[in-house]
Amino acid sequence: MKERVLTNNEKSFVQKALLESIRLDGRTLDEFRKLRISFGSEWGLVHVILGETRALARITCEVVEPKATRPNEGMLFVNVELGPMAAPHFDGGRQSDECVQLNRILERALKDSGCVDLESLCLVSEEKVWNMRVDVTVLNHEGNAIDCCSIAALTALAHFKRPDITVDGENVIVHTLEEKDPLKVTLFHYPICVSYAIFNQGKIAIADPTYLEERVAEARMVFGLNSYGELCGLHLGGTTLTSSELLLRTSTKASKRARLVVEKIKAAIQKDGEDRDKGRPVGFSEGIERNETTVHAQDRMQVRMKRFKLKIDGLERIDSDDGQEEEEEEMEAPTEPSADANNQSDEAMIVDDTDAIVEEVGETAAVLIPKSKDGTNQWLTEGELMATKEKTGKKRSKASLKRKKKSLLPQARMSGSMQDDSSEEETVTLTSSDM
């Protein structure tokens, strides 16, 4: 499947918005997306979420013969998989240009910078060494995959523990986790990648670009930095030249970002180690139950609500012109209970009044928490909503006819009643309160 072609309107819209320091997702030019790190039940299995970009990293090792040029050092191999799971336009049979570029940048940042102590991976000189393999799979590609993959690979290396061994003459015995405690891999420093997209002929740089911003950008800068502010790699690509002033300014901000990410990685590994020591259940399945590792959760969800009111700074916003009349109509025609898949008779809750909504106004959106009689949230599915509309449609039509007879302007009322029911609805963006 070929990649969708961007129109000129889309490109000009993004470029003109950035000239006014506005981004499509509401972030500032120097703001990064939210980072979440979760661990699997095995050592070296990490799932990283950067905004909507997701990557899964896993570390494996095996005993092999060393290279003839470096007989006293182990080996480190980095592999990035970018297939149709990440985006439909990627081919699973062969590596794309972006996948090759991701591999080279990660190898330059992790392997060429001397991050891992390869000499500690030597078992028997010139005979047996550890060969560590870092496999990173991009699960969802929504922009800035290199940052997400570098964080996943580094966190997996810091979290991984290799099996302990015993050398008996020429024999090398690899012990299981039950026989001996595994050993951590020695890391000299923690390098990560920080990406910026360049616009307006090298005058504007935005941090952590999305997929659309990457396609519209004129150039791209990727810094490989560790927590000490040392440069481990630099990648510049694009069609425009970047000024030295912009390069220095973005590198300073990238070093601060690298230090904060490394601190978060260490804190996440420490918390996971404490949970394992205390015997708490760890892994992706347990993380889903604790709402730490989610797949279908979204930061923003659009729903359609009727007669929605929102109060902000003392101002009341009413989206329905005849809200009082509609409330009287709903009092005359109450909703009927709907049955679920388990044939349990639960009363279906329809949010028609603002008294049943707890409103929490944030910077970008409102968090709406519906209330029910038993204190639980009940949302109608699309099928249940259509069934409820069919049941209550006749009662609503009778109530509207009675109101028309009492009106002094029947023609105006008739024109108002012919409006589509969707005109009273408005799409509201809900933001999850636990994000």
Protein backbone atom coordinates (compact mmCIF):
# COMPACT_ATOMS: atom_id res chain seq x y z
CA MET A 1 0.00 0.00 0.00
CA LYS A 2 1.41 3.35 -1.01
CA GLU A 3 1.74 6.23 1.37
CA ARG A 4 -1.00 8.85 1.14
CA VAL A 5 0.02 11.96 -0.78
CA LEU A 6 -0.23 15.21 1.15
CA THR A 7 -2.17 18.01 -0.49
CA ASN A 8 -0.90 21.54 -0.83
CA ASN A 9 -3.62 22.74 1.53
CA GLU A 10 -2.39 20.43 4.28
CA LYS A 11 1.20 21.54 3.85
CA SER A 12 0.37 25.25 3.80
CA PHE A 13 -1.92 24.88 6.81
CA VAL A 14 0.83 23.29 8.93
CA GLN A 15 3.45 25.79 7.78
CA LYS A 16 1.28 28.87 8.40
CA ALA A 17 0.24 27.55 11.81
CA LEU A 18 3.88 27.09 12.85
CA LEU A 19 4.66 30.65 11.80
CA GLU A 20 2.17 31.70 14.48
CA SER A 21 3.70 29.21 17.00
CA ILE A 22 0.65 26.94 16.80
CA ARG A 23 0.79 23.16 16.47
CA LEU A 24 -2.09 20.89 15.52
CA ASP A 25 -2.02 18.94 18.79
CA GLY A 26 -1.95 22.06 20.97
CA ARG A 27 1.68 21.77 22.10
CA THR A 28 4.23 24.54 22.11
CA LEU A 29 7.20 24.42 19.74
CA ASP A 30 9.55 23.08 22.45
CA GLU A 31 7.07 20.73 24.13
CA PHE A 32 7.45 16.96 24.00
CA ARG A 33 4.70 14.40 24.11
CA LYS A 34 3.96 12.34 27.21
CA LEU A 35 6.31 9.40 27.80
CA ARG A 36 5.21 6.14 29.40
CA ILE A 37 7.40 3.11 30.13
CA SER A 38 6.18 -0.35 31.11
CA PHE A 39 8.03 -3.64 31.59
CA GLY A 40 7.20 -7.22 30.78
CA SER A 41 7.60 -10.23 33.02
CA GLU A 42 11.01 -11.06 31.50
CA TRP A 43 14.22 -9.10 31.94
CA GLY A 44 14.87 -6.74 29.04
CA LEU A 45 11.30 -6.61 27.71
CA VAL A 46 10.10 -2.99 27.53
CA HIS A 47 7.11 -1.22 26.02
CA VAL A 48 7.50 2.54 25.43
CA ILE A 49 4.70 4.95 24.47
CA LEU A 50 5.61 8.42 23.21
CA GLY A 51 2.36 10.20 22.45
CA GLU A 52 0.68 7.76 20.06
CA THR A 53 3.97 6.23 18.85
CA ARG A 54 4.64 2.83 20.41
CA ALA A 55 7.73 0.62 20.37
CA LEU A 56 8.55 -2.75 21.94
CA ALA A 57 12.18 -3.67 22.71
CA ARG A 58 13.55 -7.05 23.76
CA ILE A 59 17.07 -8.21 24.63
CA THR A 60 18.34 -11.72 23.97
CA CYS A 61 21.81 -13.20 24.35
CA GLU A 62 23.70 -16.32 23.36
CA VAL A 63 27.22 -17.70 23.70
CA VAL A 64 29.23 -17.45 20.45
CA GLU A 65 32.82 -17.22 19.27
CA PRO A 66 34.32 -13.70 19.29
CA LYS A 67 35.57 -11.78 16.30
CA ALA A 68 39.19 -12.35 15.33
CA THR A 69 39.92 -8.62 15.51
CA ARG A 70 38.42 -8.26 19.03
CA PRO A 71 38.89 -11.60 20.82
CA ASN A 72 38.31 -10.17 24.33
CA GLU A 73 35.04 -8.34 23.66
CA GLY A 74 31.46 -9.43 23.33
CA MET A 75 29.16 -8.34 20.53
CA LEU A 76 26.12 -6.09 20.37
CA PHE A 77 23.64 -6.20 17.49
CA VAL A 78 20.77 -3.72 16.99
CA ASN A 79 17.79 -4.48 14.77
CA VAL A 80 14.68 -2.32 14.16
CA GLU A 81 11.52 -3.75 12.61
CA LEU A 82 9.21 -1.30 10.86
CA GLY A 83 6.43 -3.31 9.24
CA PRO A 84 2.76 -3.02 8.33
CA MET A 85 1.80 -3.08 12.01
CA ALA A 86 3.38 0.34 12.45
CA ALA A 87 1.77 1.88 9.34
CA PRO A 88 0.02 0.39 6.31
CA HIS A 89 2.48 1.82 3.78
CA PHE A 90 5.43 -0.16 5.19
CA ASP A 91 6.30 -3.45 3.51
CA GLY A 92 6.90 -6.45 5.72
CA GLY A 93 9.00 -8.32 3.16
CA ARG A 94 11.88 -5.85 2.90
CA GLN A 95 13.37 -2.99 4.86
CA SER A 96 12.34 0.51 3.85
CA ASP A 97 14.69 3.48 3.70
CA GLU A 98 13.32 4.80 6.99
CA CYS A 99 13.95 1.45 8.67
CA VAL A 100 17.57 1.40 7.49
CA GLN A 101 18.00 4.95 8.73
CA LEU A 102 16.61 4.01 12.16
CA ASN A 103 19.06 1.11 12.40
CA ARG A 104 22.06 3.27 11.56
CA ILE A 105 21.12 6.05 14.00
CA LEU A 106 20.57 3.59 16.85
CA GLU A 107 23.83 1.76 16.15
CA ARG A 108 25.69 5.07 16.13
CA ALA A 109 24.12 6.15 19.41
CA LEU A 110 24.34 2.87 21.34
CA LYS A 111 27.12 0.81 19.78
CA ASP A 112 29.62 3.31 18.38
CA SER A 113 29.43 5.57 21.45
CA GLY A 114 30.71 2.79 23.72
CA CYS A 115 27.57 2.64 25.82
CA VAL A 116 27.88 -1.07 26.73
CA ASP A 117 30.97 -2.54 28.38
CA LEU A 118 31.72 -5.20 25.78
CA GLU A 119 34.72 -6.55 27.68
CA SER A 120 32.45 -7.64 30.53
CA LEU A 121 30.65 -9.88 28.04
CA CYS A 122 33.78 -12.00 27.47
CA LEU A 123 33.60 -15.49 29.00
CA VAL A 124 36.76 -17.17 27.69
CA SER A 125 39.25 -15.09 25.73
CA GLU A 126 39.30 -15.94 22.02
CA GLU A 127 36.78 -18.73 22.57
CA LYS A 128 33.46 -17.76 24.20
CA VAL A 129 31.71 -14.39 24.47
CA TRP A 130 28.15 -13.15 24.87
CA ASN A 131 26.35 -11.92 21.77
CA MET A 132 23.58 -9.51 22.79
CA ARG A 133 20.80 -8.70 20.34
CA VAL A 134 18.51 -5.68 20.70
CA ASP A 135 15.28 -6.16 18.72
CA VAL A 136 13.04 -3.09 18.54
CA THR A 137 9.61 -3.39 16.91
CA VAL A 138 7.61 -0.28 16.10
CA LEU A 139 3.99 -1.06 16.98
CA ASN A 140 2.47 2.24 15.91
CA HIS A 141 4.18 4.95 13.89
CA GLU A 142 2.73 8.41 14.59
CA GLY A 143 5.90 10.44 14.19
CA ASN A 144 9.34 10.61 15.85
CA ALA A 145 9.90 6.85 15.84
CA ILE A 146 13.66 7.28 16.40
CA ASP A 147 13.18 8.85 19.86
CA CYS A 148 10.73 6.16 20.90
CA CYS A 149 12.99 3.36 19.62
CA SER A 150 16.12 4.79 21.29
CA ILE A 151 14.34 5.10 24.65
CA ALA A 152 13.00 1.56 24.32
CA ALA A 153 16.42 0.11 23.39
CA LEU A 154 18.26 1.94 26.17
CA THR A 155 15.66 1.02 28.79
CA ALA A 156 15.78 -2.61 27.71
CA LEU A 157 19.59 -2.66 28.02
CA ALA A 158 19.45 -1.11 31.49
CA HIS A 159 16.69 -3.49 32.58
CA PHE A 160 18.21 -6.68 31.12
CA LYS A 161 20.06 -9.23 33.25
CA ARG A 162 22.12 -11.95 31.60
CA PRO A 163 22.41 -15.47 33.07
CA ASP A 164 25.34 -16.27 35.31
CA ILE A 165 27.95 -18.72 34.04
CA THR A 166 30.57 -21.11 35.42
CA VAL A 167 33.75 -21.93 33.51
CA ASP A 168 34.99 -25.47 34.12
CA GLY A 169 38.09 -25.93 32.02
CA GLU A 170 36.96 -25.74 28.44
CA ASN A 171 33.29 -26.09 29.34
CA VAL A 172 31.04 -23.10 29.96
CA ILE A 173 27.96 -23.82 32.09
CA VAL A 174 25.07 -21.36 31.75
CA HIS A 175 22.93 -21.36 34.88
CA THR A 176 19.19 -20.77 34.90
CA LEU A 177 17.49 -18.04 36.89
CA GLU A 178 16.52 -20.56 39.57
CA GLU A 179 20.08 -21.76 40.05
CA LYS A 180 21.84 -18.40 40.25
CA ASP A 181 20.77 -14.79 40.20
CA PRO A 182 21.26 -13.09 36.82
CA LEU A 183 23.80 -10.30 36.33
CA LYS A 184 23.12 -6.80 35.05
CA VAL A 185 24.80 -5.43 31.95
CA THR A 186 27.38 -2.71 32.63
CA LEU A 187 26.51 0.61 30.99
CA PHE A 188 29.02 3.46 30.98
CA HIS A 189 26.44 6.10 30.07
CA TYR A 190 22.84 6.42 28.89
CA PRO A 191 22.57 7.87 25.37
CA ILE A 192 19.19 8.69 23.83
CA CYS A 193 18.06 10.42 20.65
CA VAL A 194 16.24 13.76 20.59
CA SER A 195 14.68 14.85 17.28
CA TYR A 196 13.73 18.26 15.90
CA ALA A 197 11.96 19.18 12.65
CA ILE A 198 13.06 22.30 10.73
CA PHE A 199 10.67 24.71 8.98
CA ASN A 200 10.73 28.13 7.30
CA GLN A 201 14.13 27.75 5.63
CA GLY A 202 15.97 26.74 8.79
CA LYS A 203 14.49 29.40 11.10
CA ILE A 204 11.94 27.35 13.09
CA ALA A 205 12.65 24.10 14.94
CA ILE A 206 9.93 22.07 16.66
CA ALA A 207 10.56 19.29 19.16
CA ASP A 208 9.13 15.78 18.94
CA PRO A 209 7.41 16.15 15.53
CA THR A 210 4.31 14.16 14.67
CA TYR A 211 3.94 12.10 11.51
CA LEU A 212 2.28 14.93 9.59
CA GLU A 213 4.89 17.44 10.74
CA GLU A 214 7.70 15.10 9.68
CA ARG A 215 6.31 14.89 6.16
CA VAL A 216 5.88 18.65 5.85
CA ALA A 217 9.26 19.50 7.43
CA GLU A 218 12.10 20.78 5.29
CA ALA A 219 14.84 19.12 7.33
CA ARG A 220 15.40 17.07 10.46
CA MET A 221 17.97 17.05 13.25
CA VAL A 222 18.57 14.06 15.52
CA PHE A 223 20.89 14.52 18.51
CA GLY A 224 22.40 11.55 20.32
CA LEU A 225 23.08 12.80 23.85
CA ASN A 226 23.64 11.27 27.26
CA SER A 227 22.75 12.59 30.70
CA TYR A 228 26.12 14.35 30.97
CA GLY A 229 25.40 16.48 27.91
CA GLU A 230 27.99 14.68 25.77
CA LEU A 231 27.27 14.34 22.06
CA CYS A 232 27.14 10.69 21.00
CA GLY A 233 25.80 11.20 17.49
CA LEU A 234 24.32 13.78 15.16
CA HIS A 235 22.12 13.28 12.11
CA LEU A 236 21.16 16.10 9.75
CA GLY A 237 18.92 15.43 6.79
CA GLY A 238 16.70 17.45 4.52
CA THR A 239 16.67 20.05 1.79
CA THR A 240 17.50 23.20 3.75
CA LEU A 241 20.53 24.50 5.63
CA THR A 242 20.39 25.06 9.38
CA SER A 243 22.07 28.07 10.97
CA SER A 244 24.71 27.53 13.65
CA GLU A 245 22.68 29.58 16.12
CA LEU A 246 19.65 27.31 15.75
CA LEU A 247 21.86 24.23 16.01
CA LEU A 248 23.41 25.39 19.30
CA ARG A 249 20.08 26.45 20.76
CA THR A 250 18.37 23.16 19.96
CA SER A 251 21.35 21.13 21.22
CA THR A 252 21.12 22.89 24.60
CA LYS A 253 17.43 22.08 24.87
CA ALA A 254 18.08 18.51 23.72
CA SER A 255 20.65 17.95 26.48
CA LYS A 256 18.08 18.99 29.10
CA ARG A 257 15.56 16.66 27.55
CA ALA A 258 18.07 13.79 27.58
CA ARG A 259 18.80 14.31 31.27
CA LEU A 260 15.10 14.27 32.17
CA VAL A 261 14.42 11.13 30.12
CA VAL A 262 17.36 9.28 31.68
CA GLU A 263 16.08 10.17 35.14
CA LYS A 264 12.67 8.84 34.23
CA ILE A 265 14.18 5.62 32.87
CA LYS A 266 16.15 5.04 36.08
CA ALA A 267 13.08 5.76 38.22
CA ALA A 268 10.97 3.31 36.20
CA ILE A 269 13.62 0.56 36.48
CA GLN A 270 13.98 1.16 40.21
CA LYS A 271 10.21 0.93 40.73
CA ASP A 272 10.05 -2.30 38.72
CA GLY A 273 12.90 -3.77 40.77
CA GLU A 274 11.14 -2.88 44.03
CA ASP A 275 7.94 -4.52 42.81
CA ARG A 276 9.81 -7.71 41.91
CA ASP A 277 11.61 -7.78 45.26
CA LYS A 278 8.34 -7.41 47.17
CA GLY A 279 6.75 -10.21 45.16
CA ARG A 280 4.18 -8.04 43.39
CA PRO A 281 2.86 -9.27 40.03
CA VAL A 282 4.66 -7.61 37.13
CA GLY A 283 4.22 -7.81 33.38
CA PHE A 284 2.01 -6.47 30.64
CA SER A 285 -1.09 -8.43 31.70
CA GLU A 286 -0.94 -7.08 35.24
CA GLY A 287 -0.22 -3.60 33.86
CA ILE A 288 -3.43 -3.74 31.84
CA GLU A 289 -5.43 -4.47 34.98
CA ARG A 290 -3.77 -1.53 36.75
CA ASN A 291 -4.43 0.66 33.67
CA GLU A 292 -0.67 1.16 33.17
CA THR A 293 -0.33 -0.73 29.88
CA THR A 294 -3.31 0.02 27.65
CA VAL A 295 -3.93 -0.46 23.97
CA HIS A 296 -7.33 1.07 23.30
CA ALA A 297 -7.06 3.98 25.72
CA GLN A 298 -6.77 7.35 24.05
CA ASP A 299 -5.90 10.77 25.37
CA ARG A 300 -8.84 12.30 23.51
CA MET A 301 -12.18 10.79 22.63
CA GLN A 302 -14.92 12.49 20.64
CA VAL A 303 -18.54 11.85 21.60
CA ARG A 304 -21.84 13.50 20.66
CA MET A 305 -23.86 14.97 23.52
CA LYS A 306 -27.19 16.80 23.57
CA ARG A 307 -27.84 20.09 25.38
CA PHE A 308 -24.26 20.25 26.58
CA LYS A 309 -23.41 23.13 28.92
CA LEU A 310 -19.93 24.16 29.94
CA LYS A 311 -19.02 26.84 32.44
CA ILE A 312 -15.60 28.44 32.07
CA ASP A 313 -14.50 31.40 34.21
CA GLY A 314 -18.06 32.24 35.20
CA LEU A 315 -19.38 32.19 31.62
CA GLU A 316 -22.12 29.75 30.73
CA ARG A 317 -22.26 28.23 27.29
CA ILE A 318 -25.59 26.76 26.13
CA ASP A 319 -25.58 24.90 22.83
CA SER A 320 -29.36 24.37 22.69
CA ASP A 321 -31.65 27.33 22.05
CA ASP A 322 -34.76 25.73 23.49
CA GLY A 323 -33.15 23.77 26.31
CA GLN A 324 -36.04 24.25 28.76
CA GLU A 325 -38.65 23.00 26.31
CA GLU A 326 -36.54 19.96 25.48
CA GLU A 327 -36.10 19.18 29.19
CA GLU A 328 -39.89 19.25 29.64
CA GLU A 329 -40.18 16.95 26.63
CA GLU A 330 -37.78 14.48 28.17
CA MET A 331 -39.71 14.55 31.47
CA GLU A 332 -42.86 13.51 29.59
CA ALA A 333 -41.05 10.71 27.74
CA PRO A 334 -38.63 8.89 30.09
CA THR A 335 -36.22 6.34 28.68
CA GLU A 336 -36.77 2.63 28.96
CA PRO A 337 -34.16 0.17 30.25
CA SER A 338 -32.04 -1.71 27.71
CA ALA A 339 -30.63 -5.24 28.00
CA ASP A 340 -26.92 -6.01 27.63
CA ALA A 341 -25.12 -9.02 26.09
CA ASN A 342 -25.43 -11.02 29.33
CA ASN A 343 -29.25 -10.53 29.43
CA GLN A 344 -28.97 -8.45 32.57
CA SER A 345 -31.59 -5.75 32.96
CA ASP A 346 -29.57 -2.63 33.67
CA GLU A 347 -31.09 0.79 33.27
CA ALA A 348 -29.53 2.65 30.34
CA MET A 349 -28.30 6.09 31.30
CA ILE A 350 -28.72 8.89 28.75
CA VAL A 351 -26.88 12.08 29.57
CA ASP A 352 -29.52 14.73 28.82
CA ASP A 353 -29.10 17.04 31.80
CA THR A 354 -26.04 18.89 32.97
CA ASP A 355 -26.78 17.98 36.60
CA ALA A 356 -25.61 14.42 35.85
CA ILE A 357 -22.20 15.59 34.66
CA VAL A 358 -19.16 16.45 36.71
CA GLU A 359 -17.24 19.08 34.73
CA GLU A 360 -13.50 19.51 35.11
CA VAL A 361 -12.15 22.20 32.82
CA GLY A 362 -8.49 21.86 31.80
CA GLU A 363 -6.24 23.81 29.48
CA THR A 364 -7.17 22.04 26.25
CA ALA A 365 -10.38 20.10 26.91
CA ALA A 366 -13.02 19.25 29.49
CA VAL A 367 -13.18 16.01 31.43
CA LEU A 368 -16.78 14.82 31.66
CA ILE A 369 -17.58 12.17 34.28
CA PRO A 370 -21.22 10.98 34.16
CA LYS A 371 -23.02 10.01 37.35
CA SER A 372 -25.49 7.20 37.80
CA LYS A 373 -27.67 6.02 40.63
CA ASP A 374 -25.33 3.24 41.71
CA GLY A 375 -22.20 5.38 41.26
CA THR A 376 -20.89 3.52 38.19
CA ASN A 377 -20.35 4.88 34.70
CA GLN A 378 -22.66 3.42 32.07
CA TRP A 379 -22.13 4.33 28.42
CA LEU A 380 -24.51 3.26 25.67
CA THR A 381 -23.15 1.36 22.71
CA GLU A 382 -24.18 2.34 19.19
CA GLY A 383 -26.71 -0.48 18.95
CA GLU A 384 -28.27 0.29 22.32
CA LEU A 385 -28.45 3.98 21.44
CA MET A 386 -30.32 3.25 18.19
CA ALA A 387 -32.75 0.94 20.01
CA THR A 388 -33.41 3.57 22.67
CA LYS A 389 -34.04 6.23 20.00
CA GLU A 390 -36.59 3.96 18.27
CA LYS A 391 -38.45 3.32 21.53
CA THR A 392 -38.56 6.97 22.57
CA GLY A 393 -39.18 8.39 19.08
CA LYS A 394 -42.96 7.90 19.18
CA LYS A 395 -43.32 9.49 22.61
CA ARG A 396 -41.23 12.47 21.57
CA SER A 397 -43.33 12.99 18.44
CA LYS A 398 -46.54 13.01 20.52
CA ALA A 399 -45.11 15.54 22.94
CA SER A 400 -43.97 17.77 20.08
CA LEU A 401 -47.46 17.70 18.50
CA LYS A 402 -49.05 18.84 21.73
CA ARG A 403 -46.59 21.70 21.98
CA LYS A 404 -47.32 22.76 18.38
CA LYS A 405 -51.09 23.00 18.97
CA LYS A 406 -50.58 25.35 21.91
CA SER A 407 -48.20 27.57 19.98
CA LEU A 408 -49.28 30.87 18.41
CA LEU A 409 -46.88 30.45 15.49
CA PRO A 410 -47.57 27.03 14.02
CA GLN A 411 -45.55 27.63 10.86
CA ALA A 412 -42.45 28.66 12.77
CA ARG A 413 -42.82 25.70 15.10
CA MET A 414 -43.26 23.38 12.10
CA SER A 415 -40.05 24.63 10.48
CA GLY A 416 -38.22 24.18 13.75
CA SER A 417 -39.49 20.64 14.21
CA MET A 418 -38.28 19.63 10.74
CA GLN A 419 -34.67 20.21 11.73
CA ASP A 420 -32.47 17.18 11.94
CA ASP A 421 -31.95 15.77 15.40
CA SER A 422 -28.21 15.95 14.85
CA SER A 423 -28.39 19.78 14.88
CA GLU A 424 -28.98 19.65 18.62
CA GLU A 425 -25.85 17.55 19.07
CA GLU A 426 -22.28 18.74 19.31
CA THR A 427 -19.02 16.87 19.13
CA VAL A 428 -17.16 17.30 22.40
CA THR A 429 -13.57 16.24 23.00
CA LEU A 430 -13.19 14.30 26.24
CA THR A 431 -9.79 13.97 27.87
CA SER A 432 -9.10 11.03 30.15
CA SER A 433 -8.57 12.19 33.72
CA ASP A 434 -5.89 9.60 34.50
CA MET A 435 -3.58 10.47 31.63
